[in-house]
Amino acid sequence: MKDKKTKKINLLDGIPNSKSLFAISGRDLGFKQRKFHKLDELEDNYDEIEIAIDNNIIFLSSSFFLGMFGESVRKCGNKENFIQKFIFKSNNQLKSNIEDGINDALKNINPLV
């Protein structure tokens, strides 16, 4: 059995003043983070991408999630494939935000915030 190639990233890297944030929102910021972390390239070169989210973050908006991960969810085709490829290391409060974002991406929902 082949070892999985895993890349670890911190979601907040590249966000100015991120240590003082409690919530992350905005589709534009999500798109910027997708570019900053080069997610398209990582998806092609790694079996798993581990996303660390600092414990001080208590809310992740669907708009941010869709900007950063929406395309990835749709590329994976379903929730199971996405969560096998993207492993989120976060506090329990964010689990439902991440679930909502995955579901929204699969439904092609386009929230404005």
C-alpha atoms as a PDB file:
ATOM      1  CA  MET A   1       0.000   0.000   0.000  1.00  0.00           C
ATOM      2  CA  LYS A   2       1.307   3.407  -1.022  1.00  0.00           C
ATOM      3  CA  ASP A   3       1.800   6.103   1.615  1.00  0.00           C
ATOM      4  CA  LYS A   4      -0.549   9.048   1.228  1.00  0.00           C
ATOM      5  CA  LYS A   5       0.998  12.391   0.356  1.00  0.00           C
ATOM      6  CA  THR A   6      -0.371  14.929   2.822  1.00  0.00           C
ATOM      7  CA  LYS A   7       0.024  18.707   2.795  1.00  0.00           C
ATOM      8  CA  LYS A   8      -0.707  20.688   5.955  1.00  0.00           C
ATOM      9  CA  ILE A   9      -1.808  24.311   5.800  1.00  0.00           C
ATOM     10  CA  ASN A  10      -3.064  26.825   8.338  1.00  0.00           C
ATOM     11  CA  LEU A  11      -6.283  28.425   7.114  1.00  0.00           C
ATOM     12  CA  LEU A  12      -5.335  31.784   8.653  1.00  0.00           C
ATOM     13  CA  ASP A  13      -1.958  32.104   6.937  1.00  0.00           C
ATOM     14  CA  GLY A  14      -2.148  35.040   4.571  1.00  0.00           C
ATOM     15  CA  ILE A  15      -4.936  36.847   6.452  1.00  0.00           C
ATOM     16  CA  PRO A  16      -3.691  40.102   8.032  1.00  0.00           C
ATOM     17  CA  ASN A  17      -4.322  40.396  11.794  1.00  0.00           C
ATOM     18  CA  SER A  18      -5.731  36.873  11.819  1.00  0.00           C
ATOM     19  CA  LYS A  19      -4.737  36.231  15.444  1.00  0.00           C
ATOM     20  CA  SER A  20      -7.405  38.706  16.574  1.00  0.00           C
ATOM     21  CA  LEU A  21     -10.207  37.169  14.476  1.00  0.00           C
ATOM     22  CA  PHE A  22     -13.088  35.176  15.903  1.00  0.00           C
ATOM     23  CA  ALA A  23     -15.020  34.773  12.650  1.00  0.00           C
ATOM     24  CA  ILE A  24     -14.042  34.458   9.018  1.00  0.00           C
ATOM     25  CA  SER A  25     -16.450  35.574   6.328  1.00  0.00           C
ATOM     26  CA  GLY A  26     -16.636  36.883   2.809  1.00  0.00           C
ATOM     27  CA  ARG A  27     -16.469  35.138  -0.524  1.00  0.00           C
ATOM     28  CA  ASP A  28     -13.708  37.467  -1.756  1.00  0.00           C
ATOM     29  CA  LEU A  29     -11.519  36.528   1.208  1.00  0.00           C
ATOM     30  CA  GLY A  30     -12.240  32.869   0.472  1.00  0.00           C
ATOM     31  CA  PHE A  31     -11.128  33.315  -3.142  1.00  0.00           C
ATOM     32  CA  LYS A  32      -7.977  35.126  -1.978  1.00  0.00           C
ATOM     33  CA  GLN A  33      -7.170  32.337   0.459  1.00  0.00           C
ATOM     34  CA  ARG A  34      -7.714  29.725  -2.249  1.00  0.00           C
ATOM     35  CA  LYS A  35      -5.135  31.539  -4.388  1.00  0.00           C
ATOM     36  CA  PHE A  36      -2.777  32.201  -1.468  1.00  0.00           C
ATOM     37  CA  HIS A  37      -2.664  28.519  -0.518  1.00  0.00           C
ATOM     38  CA  LYS A  38      -2.589  27.408  -4.192  1.00  0.00           C
ATOM     39  CA  LEU A  39      -5.380  24.905  -3.595  1.00  0.00           C
ATOM     40  CA  ASP A  40      -5.712  23.932  -7.254  1.00  0.00           C
ATOM     41  CA  GLU A  41      -2.046  22.932  -7.324  1.00  0.00           C
ATOM     42  CA  LEU A  42      -2.249  21.165  -3.957  1.00  0.00           C
ATOM     43  CA  GLU A  43      -5.296  19.163  -5.069  1.00  0.00           C
ATOM     44  CA  ASP A  44      -3.346  17.856  -8.062  1.00  0.00           C
ATOM     45  CA  ASN A  45      -0.217  16.968  -6.090  1.00  0.00           C
ATOM     46  CA  TYR A  46      -1.436  15.637  -2.728  1.00  0.00           C
ATOM     47  CA  ASP A  47      -3.744  12.833  -1.644  1.00  0.00           C
ATOM     48  CA  GLU A  48      -4.826  14.722   1.480  1.00  0.00           C
ATOM     49  CA  ILE A  49      -4.819  18.368   2.474  1.00  0.00           C
ATOM     50  CA  GLU A  50      -4.989  18.999   6.205  1.00  0.00           C
ATOM     51  CA  ILE A  51      -6.556  22.348   7.076  1.00  0.00           C
ATOM     52  CA  ALA A  52      -5.689  23.649  10.543  1.00  0.00           C
ATOM     53  CA  ILE A  53      -8.063  26.259  11.928  1.00  0.00           C
ATOM     54  CA  ASP A  54      -7.016  28.062  15.105  1.00  0.00           C
ATOM     55  CA  ASN A  55      -9.145  27.452  18.190  1.00  0.00           C
ATOM     56  CA  ASN A  56      -9.967  31.153  18.539  1.00  0.00           C
ATOM     57  CA  ILE A  57     -12.093  30.974  15.358  1.00  0.00           C
ATOM     58  CA  ILE A  58     -15.690  30.287  16.374  1.00  0.00           C
ATOM     59  CA  PHE A  59     -17.487  30.962  13.075  1.00  0.00           C
ATOM     60  CA  LEU A  60     -16.719  30.252   9.431  1.00  0.00           C
ATOM     61  CA  SER A  61     -19.304  31.693   7.024  1.00  0.00           C
ATOM     62  CA  SER A  62     -20.687  29.718   4.141  1.00  0.00           C
ATOM     63  CA  SER A  63     -19.636  32.515   1.775  1.00  0.00           C
ATOM     64  CA  PHE A  64     -15.989  32.215   2.857  1.00  0.00           C
ATOM     65  CA  PHE A  65     -16.121  28.428   2.684  1.00  0.00           C
ATOM     66  CA  LEU A  66     -17.608  28.528  -0.822  1.00  0.00           C
ATOM     67  CA  GLY A  67     -14.996  31.020  -1.999  1.00  0.00           C
ATOM     68  CA  MET A  68     -12.151  28.880  -0.737  1.00  0.00           C
ATOM     69  CA  PHE A  69     -13.463  25.328  -1.031  1.00  0.00           C
ATOM     70  CA  GLY A  70     -16.610  25.367  -3.197  1.00  0.00           C
ATOM     71  CA  GLU A  71     -14.780  24.431  -6.374  1.00  0.00           C
ATOM     72  CA  SER A  72     -12.928  21.676  -4.524  1.00  0.00           C
ATOM     73  CA  VAL A  73     -16.159  20.192  -3.160  1.00  0.00           C
ATOM     74  CA  ARG A  74     -17.665  20.133  -6.639  1.00  0.00           C
ATOM     75  CA  LYS A  75     -14.483  18.595  -8.122  1.00  0.00           C
ATOM     76  CA  CYS A  76     -14.645  15.825  -5.536  1.00  0.00           C
ATOM     77  CA  GLY A  77     -18.231  15.140  -6.577  1.00  0.00           C
ATOM     78  CA  ASN A  78     -19.648  14.353  -3.151  1.00  0.00           C
ATOM     79  CA  LYS A  79     -19.217  14.989   0.554  1.00  0.00           C
ATOM     80  CA  GLU A  80     -17.442  11.693   1.288  1.00  0.00           C
ATOM     81  CA  ASN A  81     -14.723  12.261  -1.329  1.00  0.00           C
ATOM     82  CA  PHE A  82     -14.231  15.846  -0.171  1.00  0.00           C
ATOM     83  CA  ILE A  83     -13.782  14.981   3.510  1.00  0.00           C
ATOM     84  CA  GLN A  84     -11.336  12.230   2.568  1.00  0.00           C
ATOM     85  CA  LYS A  85      -9.266  14.741   0.577  1.00  0.00           C
ATOM     86  CA  PHE A  86      -9.633  17.723   2.944  1.00  0.00           C
ATOM     87  CA  ILE A  87      -9.148  16.975   6.620  1.00  0.00           C
ATOM     88  CA  PHE A  88     -10.264  19.866   8.828  1.00  0.00           C
ATOM     89  CA  LYS A  89      -8.544  20.235  12.196  1.00  0.00           C
ATOM     90  CA  SER A  90     -10.783  22.602  14.101  1.00  0.00           C
ATOM     91  CA  ASN A  91     -12.792  23.040  17.252  1.00  0.00           C
ATOM     92  CA  ASN A  92     -16.210  21.389  17.403  1.00  0.00           C
ATOM     93  CA  GLN A  93     -18.035  24.697  16.936  1.00  0.00           C
ATOM     94  CA  LEU A  94     -16.814  24.893  13.339  1.00  0.00           C
ATOM     95  CA  LYS A  95     -17.857  21.383  12.338  1.00  0.00           C
ATOM     96  CA  SER A  96     -21.427  22.490  11.545  1.00  0.00           C
ATOM     97  CA  ASN A  97     -20.149  25.541   9.579  1.00  0.00           C
ATOM     98  CA  ILE A  98     -17.968  23.227   7.495  1.00  0.00           C
ATOM     99  CA  GLU A  99     -20.874  20.787   6.974  1.00  0.00           C
ATOM    100  CA  ASP A 100     -23.109  23.665   5.863  1.00  0.00           C
ATOM    101  CA  GLY A 101     -20.453  24.877   3.431  1.00  0.00           C
ATOM    102  CA  ILE A 102     -20.060  21.427   1.898  1.00  0.00           C
ATOM    103  CA  ASN A 103     -23.832  21.048   1.502  1.00  0.00           C
ATOM    104  CA  ASP A 104     -24.139  24.531  -0.017  1.00  0.00           C
ATOM    105  CA  ALA A 105     -21.349  23.809  -2.513  1.00  0.00           C
ATOM    106  CA  LEU A 106     -23.034  20.594  -3.595  1.00  0.00           C
ATOM    107  CA  LYS A 107     -26.332  22.461  -4.058  1.00  0.00           C
ATOM    108  CA  ASN A 108     -24.537  25.336  -5.850  1.00  0.00           C
ATOM    109  CA  ILE A 109     -26.028  27.783  -3.357  1.00  0.00           C
ATOM    110  CA  ASN A 110     -24.562  31.258  -3.714  1.00  0.00           C
ATOM    111  CA  PRO A 111     -24.929  33.205  -0.418  1.00  0.00           C
ATOM    112  CA  LEU A 112     -24.277  36.916  -0.643  1.00  0.00           C
ATOM    113  CA  VAL A 113     -22.368  37.304   2.652  1.00  0.00           C
END
